[in-house]
N, C-alpha and C. Protein backbone atom coordinates (compact mmCIF):
# COMPACT_ATOMS: atom_id res chain seq x y z
N LEU A 1 -17.15 -22.34 31.73
CA LEU A 1 -17.01 -20.94 32.15
C LEU A 1 -18.33 -20.19 31.94
N PRO A 2 -18.64 -19.25 32.83
CA PRO A 2 -19.81 -18.41 32.63
C PRO A 2 -19.65 -17.58 31.35
N ASP A 3 -20.78 -17.19 30.76
CA ASP A 3 -20.74 -16.44 29.51
C ASP A 3 -19.94 -15.14 29.66
N ALA A 4 -20.10 -14.46 30.79
CA ALA A 4 -19.39 -13.19 31.00
C ALA A 4 -17.88 -13.40 31.00
N ALA A 5 -17.43 -14.48 31.66
CA ALA A 5 -15.99 -14.77 31.71
C ALA A 5 -15.47 -15.14 30.33
N ARG A 6 -16.28 -15.92 29.59
CA ARG A 6 -15.87 -16.31 28.24
C ARG A 6 -15.74 -15.08 27.34
N ASP A 7 -16.69 -14.15 27.46
CA ASP A 7 -16.64 -12.93 26.66
C ASP A 7 -15.41 -12.10 27.01
N THR A 8 -15.08 -12.05 28.31
CA THR A 8 -13.90 -11.29 28.74
C THR A 8 -12.63 -11.88 28.16
N ILE A 9 -12.53 -13.21 28.18
CA ILE A 9 -11.35 -13.89 27.63
C ILE A 9 -11.24 -13.65 26.13
N GLU A 10 -12.37 -13.74 25.43
CA GLU A 10 -12.36 -13.52 23.98
C GLU A 10 -11.94 -12.09 23.65
N ASP A 11 -12.43 -11.13 24.44
CA ASP A 11 -12.03 -9.73 24.22
C ASP A 11 -10.53 -9.55 24.46
N ALA A 12 -10.02 -10.19 25.52
CA ALA A 12 -8.60 -10.08 25.83
C ALA A 12 -7.74 -10.70 24.73
N LEU A 13 -8.18 -11.85 24.21
CA LEU A 13 -7.45 -12.48 23.11
C LEU A 13 -7.47 -11.62 21.86
N GLY A 14 -8.61 -10.97 21.61
CA GLY A 14 -8.69 -10.07 20.47
C GLY A 14 -7.74 -8.89 20.61
N ASP A 15 -7.67 -8.33 21.83
CA ASP A 15 -6.74 -7.23 22.08
C ASP A 15 -5.30 -7.68 21.93
N LEU A 16 -5.00 -8.91 22.38
CA LEU A 16 -3.65 -9.45 22.25
C LEU A 16 -3.28 -9.63 20.79
N ASP A 17 -4.20 -10.16 19.99
CA ASP A 17 -3.94 -10.33 18.56
C ASP A 17 -3.65 -8.98 17.90
N ALA A 18 -4.44 -7.96 18.27
CA ALA A 18 -4.23 -6.63 17.69
C ALA A 18 -2.87 -6.07 18.09
N ALA A 19 -2.48 -6.29 19.36
CA ALA A 19 -1.18 -5.80 19.82
C ALA A 19 -0.04 -6.51 19.09
N LEU A 20 -0.16 -7.83 18.91
CA LEU A 20 0.87 -8.58 18.20
C LEU A 20 0.97 -8.13 16.74
N GLU A 21 -0.18 -7.84 16.13
CA GLU A 21 -0.16 -7.36 14.75
C GLU A 21 0.52 -6.01 14.65
N THR A 22 0.28 -5.15 15.65
CA THR A 22 0.92 -3.83 15.66
C THR A 22 2.43 -3.97 15.82
N PHE A 23 2.87 -4.82 16.76
CA PHE A 23 4.31 -5.03 16.95
C PHE A 23 4.95 -5.60 15.69
N SER A 24 4.27 -6.54 15.04
CA SER A 24 4.79 -7.13 13.81
C SER A 24 4.92 -6.08 12.72
N SER A 25 3.91 -5.21 12.62
CA SER A 25 3.96 -4.15 11.61
C SER A 25 5.08 -3.16 11.90
N LEU A 26 5.28 -2.84 13.18
CA LEU A 26 6.36 -1.93 13.55
C LEU A 26 7.72 -2.52 13.22
N LEU A 27 7.90 -3.82 13.50
CA LEU A 27 9.16 -4.48 13.19
C LEU A 27 9.40 -4.47 11.69
N ARG A 28 8.36 -4.79 10.93
CA ARG A 28 8.48 -4.82 9.47
C ARG A 28 8.81 -3.43 8.94
N LEU A 29 8.13 -2.42 9.49
CA LEU A 29 8.37 -1.04 9.06
C LEU A 29 9.80 -0.62 9.35
N SER A 30 10.31 -0.97 10.53
CA SER A 30 11.68 -0.62 10.90
C SER A 30 12.68 -1.29 9.96
N GLN A 31 12.43 -2.55 9.61
CA GLN A 31 13.32 -3.26 8.69
C GLN A 31 13.32 -2.60 7.32
N ILE A 32 12.14 -2.24 6.85
CA ILE A 32 12.04 -1.64 5.51
C ILE A 32 12.72 -0.28 5.50
N GLU A 33 12.47 0.53 6.54
CA GLU A 33 13.07 1.86 6.59
C GLU A 33 14.59 1.78 6.70
N ALA A 34 15.09 0.68 7.28
CA ALA A 34 16.54 0.47 7.35
C ALA A 34 17.06 -0.20 6.08
N GLU A 35 16.15 -0.38 5.10
CA GLU A 35 16.48 -0.99 3.81
C GLU A 35 16.99 -2.41 3.98
N ILE A 36 16.34 -3.14 4.91
CA ILE A 36 16.63 -4.55 5.11
C ILE A 36 15.49 -5.35 4.51
N SER A 37 15.73 -6.02 3.40
CA SER A 37 14.71 -6.85 2.78
C SER A 37 14.90 -8.29 3.22
N THR A 38 13.90 -8.84 3.90
CA THR A 38 14.01 -10.21 4.39
C THR A 38 13.51 -11.22 3.37
N GLY A 39 13.02 -10.74 2.24
CA GLY A 39 12.49 -11.64 1.23
C GLY A 39 13.43 -11.77 0.05
N THR A 40 12.91 -12.30 -1.05
CA THR A 40 13.70 -12.50 -2.24
C THR A 40 13.50 -11.34 -3.20
N CYS A 41 14.46 -11.18 -4.11
CA CYS A 41 14.34 -10.16 -5.14
C CYS A 41 14.00 -10.85 -6.45
N ALA A 42 12.97 -10.38 -7.10
CA ALA A 42 12.54 -10.99 -8.35
C ALA A 42 11.93 -9.92 -9.24
N ARG A 43 11.74 -10.26 -10.50
CA ARG A 43 11.01 -9.38 -11.39
C ARG A 43 9.52 -9.68 -11.22
N VAL A 44 8.79 -8.69 -10.77
CA VAL A 44 7.38 -8.87 -10.43
C VAL A 44 6.51 -8.20 -11.48
N SER A 45 5.68 -8.99 -12.13
CA SER A 45 4.74 -8.45 -13.11
C SER A 45 3.59 -7.76 -12.38
N LEU A 46 3.40 -6.49 -12.68
CA LEU A 46 2.32 -5.76 -12.01
C LEU A 46 0.95 -6.23 -12.47
N ASP A 47 0.87 -6.74 -13.68
CA ASP A 47 -0.41 -7.28 -14.14
C ASP A 47 -0.79 -8.52 -13.31
N ASP A 48 0.20 -9.40 -13.07
CA ASP A 48 -0.07 -10.56 -12.23
C ASP A 48 -0.45 -10.13 -10.81
N LEU A 49 0.25 -9.11 -10.32
CA LEU A 49 0.00 -8.63 -8.96
C LEU A 49 -1.42 -8.07 -8.83
N THR A 50 -1.83 -7.27 -9.80
CA THR A 50 -3.17 -6.67 -9.72
C THR A 50 -4.26 -7.73 -9.90
N ARG A 51 -3.98 -8.77 -10.67
CA ARG A 51 -4.96 -9.86 -10.80
C ARG A 51 -5.16 -10.56 -9.45
N ARG A 52 -4.06 -10.76 -8.73
CA ARG A 52 -4.17 -11.37 -7.41
C ARG A 52 -4.95 -10.47 -6.45
N ILE A 53 -4.70 -9.17 -6.54
CA ILE A 53 -5.43 -8.22 -5.69
C ILE A 53 -6.92 -8.27 -6.01
N THR A 54 -7.25 -8.32 -7.29
CA THR A 54 -8.66 -8.38 -7.70
C THR A 54 -9.32 -9.66 -7.20
N ASP A 55 -8.62 -10.78 -7.34
CA ASP A 55 -9.17 -12.06 -6.87
C ASP A 55 -9.40 -12.04 -5.36
N LEU A 56 -8.49 -11.38 -4.64
CA LEU A 56 -8.56 -11.37 -3.18
C LEU A 56 -9.60 -10.38 -2.66
N TYR A 57 -9.62 -9.17 -3.23
CA TYR A 57 -10.45 -8.11 -2.66
C TYR A 57 -11.74 -7.84 -3.43
N GLY A 58 -11.85 -8.37 -4.65
CA GLY A 58 -13.09 -8.19 -5.39
C GLY A 58 -14.30 -8.70 -4.63
N PRO A 59 -14.26 -9.94 -4.12
CA PRO A 59 -15.40 -10.45 -3.34
C PRO A 59 -15.65 -9.67 -2.05
N VAL A 60 -14.58 -9.17 -1.42
CA VAL A 60 -14.74 -8.38 -0.20
C VAL A 60 -15.51 -7.10 -0.50
N ALA A 61 -15.10 -6.42 -1.58
CA ALA A 61 -15.79 -5.20 -1.98
C ALA A 61 -17.25 -5.49 -2.33
N GLU A 62 -17.47 -6.58 -3.04
CA GLU A 62 -18.84 -6.94 -3.44
C GLU A 62 -19.72 -7.18 -2.22
N ASP A 63 -19.18 -7.85 -1.21
CA ASP A 63 -19.95 -8.11 0.01
C ASP A 63 -20.34 -6.81 0.72
N ARG A 64 -19.55 -5.76 0.52
CA ARG A 64 -19.84 -4.47 1.15
C ARG A 64 -20.63 -3.54 0.24
N GLY A 65 -21.07 -4.07 -0.90
CA GLY A 65 -21.84 -3.25 -1.82
C GLY A 65 -21.00 -2.29 -2.62
N GLN A 66 -19.70 -2.59 -2.76
CA GLN A 66 -18.79 -1.74 -3.53
C GLN A 66 -18.34 -2.48 -4.79
N VAL A 67 -17.64 -1.77 -5.65
CA VAL A 67 -17.13 -2.38 -6.88
C VAL A 67 -15.64 -2.09 -6.98
N LEU A 68 -14.84 -3.14 -7.17
CA LEU A 68 -13.40 -3.00 -7.41
C LEU A 68 -13.15 -3.21 -8.90
N ILE A 69 -12.58 -2.19 -9.54
CA ILE A 69 -12.42 -2.19 -10.99
C ILE A 69 -10.94 -2.14 -11.35
N VAL A 70 -10.53 -3.01 -12.28
CA VAL A 70 -9.22 -2.92 -12.93
C VAL A 70 -9.52 -2.75 -14.41
N PRO A 71 -9.43 -1.52 -14.95
CA PRO A 71 -9.88 -1.25 -16.31
C PRO A 71 -9.23 -2.10 -17.39
N GLY A 72 -7.99 -2.48 -17.20
CA GLY A 72 -7.30 -3.27 -18.22
C GLY A 72 -5.99 -3.79 -17.69
N PRO A 73 -5.21 -4.46 -18.54
CA PRO A 73 -3.90 -4.97 -18.10
C PRO A 73 -3.02 -3.84 -17.57
N VAL A 74 -2.30 -4.13 -16.50
CA VAL A 74 -1.39 -3.14 -15.91
C VAL A 74 0.02 -3.48 -16.37
N PRO A 75 0.63 -2.62 -17.18
CA PRO A 75 1.95 -2.94 -17.74
C PRO A 75 3.07 -2.70 -16.74
N GLY A 76 4.23 -3.25 -17.07
CA GLY A 76 5.42 -2.95 -16.28
C GLY A 76 5.85 -4.09 -15.39
N THR A 77 7.14 -4.08 -15.08
CA THR A 77 7.76 -5.07 -14.21
C THR A 77 8.63 -4.35 -13.20
N VAL A 78 8.47 -4.71 -11.93
CA VAL A 78 9.25 -4.09 -10.86
C VAL A 78 10.22 -5.11 -10.30
N ALA A 79 11.48 -4.70 -10.11
CA ALA A 79 12.45 -5.56 -9.44
C ALA A 79 12.30 -5.35 -7.94
N GLY A 80 11.94 -6.41 -7.23
CA GLY A 80 11.76 -6.22 -5.80
C GLY A 80 11.25 -7.44 -5.09
N ASP A 81 10.78 -7.20 -3.90
CA ASP A 81 10.27 -8.25 -3.02
C ASP A 81 8.79 -8.47 -3.33
N PRO A 82 8.41 -9.63 -3.87
CA PRO A 82 7.01 -9.86 -4.25
C PRO A 82 6.05 -9.74 -3.08
N VAL A 83 6.48 -10.18 -1.89
CA VAL A 83 5.60 -10.12 -0.72
C VAL A 83 5.34 -8.67 -0.32
N LEU A 84 6.39 -7.86 -0.32
CA LEU A 84 6.23 -6.45 0.05
C LEU A 84 5.38 -5.70 -0.98
N LEU A 85 5.60 -5.98 -2.26
CA LEU A 85 4.81 -5.30 -3.29
C LEU A 85 3.34 -5.69 -3.19
N MET A 86 3.08 -6.94 -2.85
CA MET A 86 1.70 -7.38 -2.64
C MET A 86 1.09 -6.65 -1.45
N GLN A 87 1.87 -6.51 -0.38
CA GLN A 87 1.38 -5.81 0.80
C GLN A 87 1.11 -4.34 0.49
N MET A 88 1.95 -3.74 -0.33
CA MET A 88 1.78 -2.34 -0.71
C MET A 88 0.40 -2.11 -1.34
N LEU A 89 0.07 -2.92 -2.35
CA LEU A 89 -1.22 -2.74 -3.02
C LEU A 89 -2.38 -3.21 -2.14
N SER A 90 -2.16 -4.27 -1.36
CA SER A 90 -3.22 -4.76 -0.47
C SER A 90 -3.63 -3.69 0.53
N ASN A 91 -2.64 -3.02 1.13
CA ASN A 91 -2.95 -1.99 2.11
C ASN A 91 -3.77 -0.86 1.50
N LEU A 92 -3.41 -0.46 0.28
CA LEU A 92 -4.12 0.65 -0.36
C LEU A 92 -5.56 0.27 -0.71
N VAL A 93 -5.73 -0.91 -1.29
CA VAL A 93 -7.08 -1.34 -1.68
C VAL A 93 -7.93 -1.60 -0.44
N GLU A 94 -7.33 -2.21 0.57
CA GLU A 94 -8.07 -2.47 1.81
C GLU A 94 -8.49 -1.16 2.48
N ASN A 95 -7.60 -0.17 2.47
CA ASN A 95 -7.95 1.15 3.01
C ASN A 95 -9.15 1.74 2.27
N ALA A 96 -9.11 1.64 0.95
CA ALA A 96 -10.21 2.19 0.15
C ALA A 96 -11.53 1.49 0.48
N ILE A 97 -11.47 0.18 0.63
CA ILE A 97 -12.69 -0.58 0.97
C ILE A 97 -13.21 -0.17 2.35
N ASN A 98 -12.30 -0.05 3.30
CA ASN A 98 -12.70 0.23 4.69
C ASN A 98 -13.21 1.65 4.90
N HIS A 99 -12.75 2.58 4.07
CA HIS A 99 -13.06 3.99 4.32
C HIS A 99 -14.01 4.61 3.31
N THR A 100 -14.68 3.77 2.53
CA THR A 100 -15.70 4.27 1.61
C THR A 100 -17.01 3.54 1.87
N PRO A 101 -18.13 4.20 1.62
CA PRO A 101 -19.43 3.58 1.92
C PRO A 101 -19.88 2.61 0.83
N ALA A 102 -20.97 1.91 1.12
CA ALA A 102 -21.59 1.04 0.12
C ALA A 102 -21.95 1.87 -1.11
N GLY A 103 -21.79 1.26 -2.28
CA GLY A 103 -22.06 1.97 -3.53
C GLY A 103 -20.83 2.62 -4.13
N SER A 104 -19.70 2.58 -3.41
CA SER A 104 -18.48 3.22 -3.91
C SER A 104 -17.82 2.39 -5.00
N ARG A 105 -17.08 3.08 -5.85
CA ARG A 105 -16.27 2.44 -6.90
C ARG A 105 -14.80 2.65 -6.56
N ILE A 106 -14.06 1.56 -6.57
CA ILE A 106 -12.62 1.60 -6.28
C ILE A 106 -11.91 1.06 -7.52
N SER A 107 -10.92 1.80 -8.00
CA SER A 107 -10.23 1.38 -9.21
C SER A 107 -8.73 1.23 -8.95
N LEU A 108 -8.15 0.29 -9.68
CA LEU A 108 -6.70 0.04 -9.64
C LEU A 108 -6.23 0.01 -11.08
N ASP A 109 -5.40 0.98 -11.43
CA ASP A 109 -5.00 1.13 -12.83
C ASP A 109 -3.52 1.46 -12.90
N GLY A 110 -2.94 1.28 -14.08
CA GLY A 110 -1.52 1.58 -14.24
C GLY A 110 -1.16 1.81 -15.69
N ARG A 111 -0.05 2.52 -15.90
CA ARG A 111 0.45 2.76 -17.26
C ARG A 111 1.95 3.02 -17.20
N LEU A 112 2.59 2.93 -18.36
CA LEU A 112 4.01 3.24 -18.48
C LEU A 112 4.19 4.64 -19.03
N ALA A 113 5.19 5.35 -18.51
CA ALA A 113 5.50 6.69 -19.00
C ALA A 113 6.97 6.99 -18.74
N ASP A 114 7.75 7.15 -19.82
CA ASP A 114 9.16 7.53 -19.72
C ASP A 114 9.96 6.59 -18.83
N GLY A 115 9.77 5.29 -19.01
CA GLY A 115 10.53 4.32 -18.25
C GLY A 115 10.09 4.15 -16.81
N ARG A 116 8.94 4.70 -16.49
CA ARG A 116 8.41 4.58 -15.14
C ARG A 116 7.01 3.99 -15.18
N ILE A 117 6.63 3.38 -14.07
CA ILE A 117 5.30 2.80 -13.94
C ILE A 117 4.47 3.70 -13.04
N LEU A 118 3.31 4.10 -13.52
CA LEU A 118 2.38 4.89 -12.72
C LEU A 118 1.23 3.98 -12.29
N LEU A 119 1.12 3.76 -10.99
CA LEU A 119 0.03 2.96 -10.42
C LEU A 119 -0.92 3.90 -9.69
N VAL A 120 -2.21 3.74 -9.93
CA VAL A 120 -3.19 4.61 -9.29
C VAL A 120 -4.28 3.77 -8.64
N VAL A 121 -4.48 3.98 -7.35
CA VAL A 121 -5.62 3.41 -6.63
C VAL A 121 -6.53 4.59 -6.28
N ALA A 122 -7.76 4.56 -6.79
CA ALA A 122 -8.66 5.70 -6.61
C ALA A 122 -10.03 5.22 -6.15
N ASP A 123 -10.74 6.10 -5.45
CA ASP A 123 -12.11 5.80 -5.03
C ASP A 123 -12.94 7.06 -5.09
N ASP A 124 -14.25 6.91 -4.93
CA ASP A 124 -15.14 8.07 -4.95
C ASP A 124 -15.80 8.28 -3.58
N GLY A 125 -15.04 7.95 -2.52
CA GLY A 125 -15.53 8.11 -1.16
C GLY A 125 -15.31 9.51 -0.62
N PRO A 126 -15.23 9.65 0.70
CA PRO A 126 -15.11 10.98 1.32
C PRO A 126 -13.74 11.63 1.13
N GLY A 127 -12.71 10.85 0.83
CA GLY A 127 -11.38 11.41 0.61
C GLY A 127 -10.69 11.82 1.89
N ILE A 128 -9.56 12.52 1.74
CA ILE A 128 -8.76 13.03 2.86
C ILE A 128 -8.52 14.51 2.63
N PRO A 129 -8.74 15.36 3.63
CA PRO A 129 -8.51 16.80 3.46
C PRO A 129 -7.07 17.08 3.01
N PRO A 130 -6.87 18.09 2.18
CA PRO A 130 -5.51 18.39 1.68
C PRO A 130 -4.47 18.57 2.78
N ASP A 131 -4.86 19.21 3.89
CA ASP A 131 -3.87 19.48 4.94
C ASP A 131 -3.52 18.24 5.76
N ALA A 132 -4.20 17.11 5.50
CA ALA A 132 -3.91 15.88 6.24
C ALA A 132 -3.24 14.82 5.38
N ARG A 133 -3.06 15.09 4.09
CA ARG A 133 -2.58 14.05 3.17
C ARG A 133 -1.14 13.64 3.42
N GLU A 134 -0.32 14.53 3.91
CA GLU A 134 1.05 14.15 4.25
C GLU A 134 1.10 13.53 5.64
N ARG A 135 0.27 14.03 6.51
CA ARG A 135 0.29 13.56 7.90
C ARG A 135 -0.13 12.10 8.03
N VAL A 136 -1.02 11.61 7.15
CA VAL A 136 -1.50 10.23 7.28
C VAL A 136 -0.42 9.20 6.99
N PHE A 137 0.72 9.63 6.43
CA PHE A 137 1.82 8.70 6.21
C PHE A 137 2.66 8.50 7.47
N GLN A 138 2.42 9.30 8.50
CA GLN A 138 3.18 9.16 9.74
C GLN A 138 2.64 7.98 10.56
N ARG A 139 3.50 7.43 11.39
CA ARG A 139 3.11 6.28 12.21
C ARG A 139 2.00 6.64 13.18
N PHE A 140 1.03 5.75 13.29
CA PHE A 140 -0.07 5.80 14.26
C PHE A 140 -1.04 6.95 14.04
N VAL A 141 -0.91 7.68 12.95
CA VAL A 141 -1.85 8.77 12.69
C VAL A 141 -3.15 8.19 12.14
N ARG A 142 -4.26 8.55 12.79
CA ARG A 142 -5.58 8.16 12.32
C ARG A 142 -6.48 9.38 12.40
N LEU A 143 -7.12 9.72 11.31
CA LEU A 143 -8.01 10.87 11.30
C LEU A 143 -9.29 10.54 12.07
N ASP A 144 -9.97 11.58 12.52
CA ASP A 144 -11.17 11.38 13.34
C ASP A 144 -12.20 10.51 12.63
N ALA A 145 -12.34 10.69 11.32
CA ALA A 145 -13.36 9.95 10.57
C ALA A 145 -13.06 8.46 10.49
N SER A 146 -11.81 8.06 10.76
CA SER A 146 -11.44 6.64 10.61
C SER A 146 -11.30 5.92 11.94
N ARG A 147 -11.56 6.60 13.04
CA ARG A 147 -11.31 5.98 14.35
C ARG A 147 -12.27 4.84 14.65
N SER A 148 -13.40 4.80 13.97
CA SER A 148 -14.34 3.70 14.19
C SER A 148 -13.98 2.46 13.37
N VAL A 149 -12.98 2.58 12.49
CA VAL A 149 -12.54 1.46 11.65
C VAL A 149 -11.34 0.80 12.30
N PRO A 150 -11.35 -0.53 12.47
CA PRO A 150 -10.20 -1.20 13.08
C PRO A 150 -8.91 -0.93 12.31
N GLY A 151 -7.82 -0.78 13.05
CA GLY A 151 -6.54 -0.54 12.40
C GLY A 151 -5.54 0.02 13.38
N SER A 152 -4.26 -0.03 13.00
CA SER A 152 -3.19 0.42 13.88
C SER A 152 -2.66 1.80 13.54
N GLY A 153 -3.04 2.33 12.37
CA GLY A 153 -2.48 3.60 11.94
C GLY A 153 -1.09 3.46 11.33
N LEU A 154 -0.74 2.22 10.93
CA LEU A 154 0.58 1.98 10.34
C LEU A 154 0.51 1.62 8.86
N GLY A 155 -0.70 1.43 8.34
CA GLY A 155 -0.85 0.94 6.97
C GLY A 155 -0.18 1.80 5.92
N LEU A 156 -0.45 3.11 5.95
CA LEU A 156 0.13 3.99 4.94
C LEU A 156 1.62 4.23 5.19
N SER A 157 2.05 4.17 6.45
CA SER A 157 3.49 4.25 6.74
C SER A 157 4.23 3.10 6.08
N LEU A 158 3.65 1.90 6.18
CA LEU A 158 4.25 0.73 5.55
C LEU A 158 4.27 0.88 4.03
N VAL A 159 3.17 1.37 3.48
CA VAL A 159 3.10 1.53 2.03
C VAL A 159 4.21 2.46 1.54
N ARG A 160 4.35 3.62 2.19
CA ARG A 160 5.38 4.56 1.74
C ARG A 160 6.78 3.98 1.90
N ALA A 161 7.02 3.25 2.99
CA ALA A 161 8.34 2.64 3.19
C ALA A 161 8.63 1.62 2.09
N ILE A 162 7.64 0.83 1.72
CA ILE A 162 7.83 -0.16 0.65
C ILE A 162 8.09 0.53 -0.68
N VAL A 163 7.32 1.57 -0.96
CA VAL A 163 7.52 2.32 -2.21
C VAL A 163 8.93 2.89 -2.28
N ARG A 164 9.38 3.50 -1.20
CA ARG A 164 10.72 4.10 -1.18
C ARG A 164 11.81 3.04 -1.30
N LEU A 165 11.60 1.89 -0.67
CA LEU A 165 12.57 0.80 -0.77
C LEU A 165 12.76 0.37 -2.21
N HIS A 166 11.71 0.47 -3.01
CA HIS A 166 11.77 0.06 -4.41
C HIS A 166 12.06 1.23 -5.34
N GLY A 167 12.57 2.33 -4.78
CA GLY A 167 13.00 3.45 -5.61
C GLY A 167 11.89 4.31 -6.15
N GLY A 168 10.72 4.29 -5.50
CA GLY A 168 9.58 5.02 -6.02
C GLY A 168 9.11 6.16 -5.13
N THR A 169 8.03 6.78 -5.56
CA THR A 169 7.40 7.86 -4.80
C THR A 169 5.90 7.58 -4.70
N ILE A 170 5.26 8.21 -3.72
CA ILE A 170 3.82 8.05 -3.53
C ILE A 170 3.22 9.40 -3.15
N SER A 171 2.04 9.68 -3.66
CA SER A 171 1.37 10.94 -3.34
C SER A 171 -0.14 10.72 -3.30
N LEU A 172 -0.82 11.58 -2.55
CA LEU A 172 -2.28 11.55 -2.45
C LEU A 172 -2.84 12.83 -3.04
N SER A 173 -3.97 12.71 -3.74
CA SER A 173 -4.59 13.88 -4.34
C SER A 173 -6.11 13.69 -4.37
N ASP A 174 -6.79 14.74 -4.80
CA ASP A 174 -8.26 14.73 -4.85
C ASP A 174 -8.72 14.00 -6.11
N ASN A 175 -9.62 13.02 -5.93
CA ASN A 175 -10.16 12.30 -7.08
C ASN A 175 -11.46 12.93 -7.59
N ARG A 176 -12.00 13.87 -6.85
CA ARG A 176 -13.17 14.68 -7.25
C ARG A 176 -14.36 13.86 -7.72
N PRO A 177 -15.06 13.15 -6.85
CA PRO A 177 -14.82 13.06 -5.41
C PRO A 177 -13.93 11.87 -5.07
N GLY A 178 -13.51 11.85 -3.81
CA GLY A 178 -12.74 10.72 -3.32
C GLY A 178 -11.25 10.99 -3.24
N LEU A 179 -10.50 9.90 -3.13
CA LEU A 179 -9.05 9.99 -2.95
C LEU A 179 -8.35 9.25 -4.08
N ARG A 180 -7.26 9.85 -4.55
CA ARG A 180 -6.43 9.23 -5.58
C ARG A 180 -5.02 9.06 -5.01
N CYS A 181 -4.54 7.83 -5.01
CA CYS A 181 -3.19 7.53 -4.56
C CYS A 181 -2.36 7.14 -5.77
N THR A 182 -1.29 7.88 -6.02
CA THR A 182 -0.44 7.64 -7.19
C THR A 182 0.94 7.17 -6.74
N ILE A 183 1.34 6.02 -7.24
CA ILE A 183 2.67 5.47 -6.98
C ILE A 183 3.45 5.47 -8.28
N ILE A 184 4.68 5.96 -8.23
CA ILE A 184 5.57 5.93 -9.39
C ILE A 184 6.76 5.05 -9.05
N LEU A 185 6.97 4.02 -9.87
CA LEU A 185 8.06 3.07 -9.67
C LEU A 185 8.88 2.93 -10.94
N PRO A 186 10.17 2.63 -10.82
CA PRO A 186 10.98 2.39 -12.03
C PRO A 186 10.57 1.09 -12.70
N ASP A 187 10.46 1.13 -14.02
CA ASP A 187 10.16 -0.09 -14.78
C ASP A 187 11.45 -0.86 -14.98
N ASP A 188 11.45 -2.13 -14.61
CA ASP A 188 12.67 -2.93 -14.66
C ASP A 188 12.83 -3.70 -15.96
N ALA A 189 11.98 -3.43 -16.94
CA ALA A 189 11.99 -4.22 -18.17
C ALA A 189 13.33 -4.17 -18.89
N ALA A 190 14.05 -3.04 -18.77
CA ALA A 190 15.31 -2.89 -19.50
C ALA A 190 16.52 -2.97 -18.58
N ALA A 191 16.37 -3.65 -17.44
CA ALA A 191 17.46 -3.65 -16.46
C ALA A 191 18.56 -4.66 -16.77
N GLY A 192 18.37 -5.54 -17.75
CA GLY A 192 19.39 -6.55 -18.04
C GLY A 192 18.96 -7.91 -17.55
N ASP A 193 19.94 -8.78 -17.34
CA ASP A 193 19.64 -10.16 -17.00
C ASP A 193 19.19 -10.35 -15.56
N SER A 194 19.69 -9.50 -14.64
CA SER A 194 19.40 -9.70 -13.23
C SER A 194 18.59 -8.53 -12.69
N PRO A 195 17.54 -8.80 -11.92
CA PRO A 195 16.77 -7.70 -11.33
C PRO A 195 17.57 -6.97 -10.27
N ARG A 196 17.37 -5.66 -10.18
CA ARG A 196 18.03 -4.87 -9.15
C ARG A 196 17.31 -5.08 -7.83
N SER A 197 18.07 -5.23 -6.75
CA SER A 197 17.44 -5.42 -5.45
C SER A 197 16.81 -4.12 -4.99
N PRO A 198 15.77 -4.19 -4.13
CA PRO A 198 15.16 -2.96 -3.62
C PRO A 198 16.16 -2.06 -2.92
N ALA A 199 17.06 -2.65 -2.11
CA ALA A 199 18.04 -1.83 -1.40
C ALA A 199 18.98 -1.13 -2.38
N ALA A 200 19.37 -1.83 -3.45
CA ALA A 200 20.24 -1.21 -4.45
C ALA A 200 19.52 -0.07 -5.15
N GLU A 201 18.24 -0.26 -5.42
CA GLU A 201 17.47 0.80 -6.06
C GLU A 201 17.35 2.01 -5.13
N ALA A 202 17.15 1.77 -3.85
CA ALA A 202 17.06 2.86 -2.89
C ALA A 202 18.39 3.61 -2.79
N THR A 203 19.50 2.86 -2.82
CA THR A 203 20.82 3.49 -2.77
C THR A 203 21.04 4.36 -4.01
N ARG A 204 20.64 3.85 -5.18
CA ARG A 204 20.77 4.63 -6.41
C ARG A 204 19.95 5.91 -6.33
N ARG A 205 18.73 5.78 -5.76
CA ARG A 205 17.86 6.95 -5.65
C ARG A 205 18.48 8.01 -4.75
N ARG A 206 19.07 7.57 -3.61
CA ARG A 206 19.69 8.53 -2.70
C ARG A 206 20.86 9.23 -3.37
N ALA A 207 21.64 8.48 -4.16
CA ALA A 207 22.78 9.08 -4.86
C ALA A 207 22.30 10.14 -5.85
N ASP A 208 21.20 9.85 -6.55
CA ASP A 208 20.64 10.82 -7.49
C ASP A 208 20.19 12.08 -6.76
N GLU A 209 19.55 11.89 -5.60
CA GLU A 209 19.05 13.04 -4.84
C GLU A 209 20.20 13.89 -4.32
N GLU A 210 21.29 13.23 -3.90
CA GLU A 210 22.44 13.98 -3.38
C GLU A 210 23.16 14.75 -4.48
N SER A 211 23.18 14.17 -5.69
CA SER A 211 23.89 14.83 -6.79
C SER A 211 23.05 15.92 -7.44
N ASP A 212 21.71 15.82 -7.29
CA ASP A 212 20.82 16.81 -7.89
C ASP A 212 19.79 17.23 -6.86
N PRO A 213 19.94 18.37 -6.21
CA PRO A 213 19.02 18.81 -5.16
C PRO A 213 17.62 19.09 -5.67
N ASN A 214 17.44 19.17 -7.00
CA ASN A 214 16.12 19.46 -7.55
C ASN A 214 15.25 18.22 -7.69
N ILE A 215 15.81 17.03 -7.46
CA ILE A 215 15.03 15.79 -7.58
C ILE A 215 14.07 15.69 -6.40
């Protein structure tokens, strides 16, 4: 084939891969929002999870002239889908890597407080304006500054859906400078012999919200 034709085919295949990835993400998002977990429920150590994230993304950050830091062991155990929880943290760390310049510091930290796990992914990049921090969780929303970065605009939608499925909350704030993403999840350490499923945790959360409008 001529070089021009080969380039056209390669571009078309790249577009097809991107479209398939978007459809796959949409399907996964719809399943999660419907509280359908296609994986297994297990007790997931957040320290093990963050170590895997560091092993996976530490070299990526280093290649881009960035630093990925995990200050210390991350305590707590979450009852849920290990694959989804891995995707949750992967999306956040990958976003931080993609949207911060060389020389940036990205941190992943966590602590226990009142039976809950606080996970924080923070960076010292350009951040997100306050009036856009809720909007970026919507499907296909991409801010002008991120349009040059490959992506479908579904990453943060997936993250929030996964967090909610596991009975948690997520918020974005100013890291001064940069962006701070805080996830709060229930610690499953005292749950008994069997881990609670993500769907069961989401059902419990809805019941709490219905019984107490201040939650």
